[in-house]
Amino acid sequence: TRLVSFFSTPGVCSEVCQIFLASGLEKPQQKPAEEEVVAVAPVGWEQALKMVWSGEIFDAASVAGILAADSYLKNS
């Protein structure tokens, strides 16, 4: 389900971020490249919302996605 689209840096580039809500996914086994450092820190939904409102999560795509998903889930 597409939730929202937005320009990541309007006036600078034409990149459009598309935020989707997916369900029924399975966690794949990670195979990062040797030089890639990946840290996965799963959090619950309510915790993710708290992290947005406290400023702990502040990148535009994550904030837009979490808030759009929260609104969609509450209103569907």
Protein backbone atom coordinates (compact mmCIF):
# COMPACT_ATOMS: atom_id res chain seq x y z
CA THR A 1 0.00 0.00 0.00
CA ARG A 2 1.48 3.36 -1.02
CA LEU A 3 1.26 5.77 1.90
CA VAL A 4 3.00 8.97 0.86
CA SER A 5 5.47 10.47 -1.61
CA PHE A 6 7.70 13.49 -1.10
CA PHE A 7 10.70 15.29 -2.57
CA SER A 8 13.74 14.56 -0.43
CA THR A 9 15.47 17.87 -1.18
CA PRO A 10 13.16 20.16 -3.15
CA GLY A 11 15.00 22.84 -5.08
CA VAL A 12 18.19 20.78 -5.05
CA CYS A 13 17.25 17.59 -6.88
CA SER A 14 14.19 15.84 -8.25
CA GLU A 15 14.49 12.68 -6.12
CA VAL A 16 11.09 11.49 -4.94
CA CYS A 17 10.80 9.22 -1.90
CA GLN A 18 7.97 6.71 -2.03
CA ILE A 19 6.77 5.26 1.28
CA PHE A 20 4.89 1.95 1.22
CA LEU A 21 3.34 -0.18 3.95
CA ALA A 22 4.02 -3.88 3.49
CA SER A 23 2.69 -6.87 5.41
CA GLY A 24 3.28 -10.60 5.45
CA LEU A 25 7.02 -10.22 4.99
CA GLU A 26 9.64 -12.71 6.10
CA LYS A 27 13.00 -11.74 7.52
CA PRO A 28 15.76 -12.71 5.05
CA GLN A 29 19.21 -13.83 6.08
CA GLN A 30 21.58 -10.87 5.80
CA LYS A 31 24.68 -11.13 3.64
CA PRO A 32 26.40 -7.73 3.88
CA ALA A 33 29.60 -7.05 1.95
CA GLU A 34 32.80 -7.42 3.98
CA GLU A 35 33.31 -3.66 4.25
CA GLU A 36 29.66 -3.04 5.15
CA VAL A 37 28.76 -2.56 8.81
CA VAL A 38 25.09 -3.24 9.53
CA ALA A 39 23.49 -3.02 12.96
CA VAL A 40 19.87 -4.11 13.23
CA ALA A 41 17.99 -2.93 16.31
CA PRO A 42 14.34 -4.04 16.13
CA VAL A 43 11.90 -1.90 18.13
CA GLY A 44 8.18 -2.22 18.71
CA TRP A 45 5.67 0.05 17.00
CA GLU A 46 4.90 2.21 20.04
CA GLN A 47 8.62 2.57 20.73
CA ALA A 48 9.23 3.70 17.13
CA LEU A 49 6.56 6.38 17.53
CA LYS A 50 8.12 7.55 20.80
CA MET A 51 11.51 7.68 19.09
CA VAL A 52 10.08 9.92 16.35
CA TRP A 53 8.44 12.30 18.83
CA SER A 54 11.53 12.44 21.05
CA GLY A 55 13.78 13.22 18.09
CA GLU A 56 15.75 9.99 18.33
CA ILE A 57 14.55 9.06 14.84
CA PHE A 58 14.82 12.18 12.71
CA ASP A 59 15.65 11.33 9.11
CA ALA A 60 12.87 12.52 6.82
CA ALA A 61 12.02 9.19 5.18
CA SER A 62 11.75 7.32 8.48
CA VAL A 63 9.70 10.04 10.16
CA ALA A 64 7.35 10.33 7.17
CA GLY A 65 6.99 6.57 6.91
CA ILE A 66 6.33 5.95 10.59
CA LEU A 67 3.84 8.80 10.94
CA ALA A 68 2.06 7.98 7.67
CA ALA A 69 1.80 4.31 8.63
CA ASP A 70 0.48 5.23 12.07
CA SER A 71 -2.22 7.43 10.54
CA TYR A 72 -3.12 4.83 7.92
CA LEU A 73 -3.38 2.02 10.48
CA LYS A 74 -5.50 4.10 12.86
CA ASN A 75 -7.89 5.15 10.08
CA SER A 76 -8.32 1.90 8.15
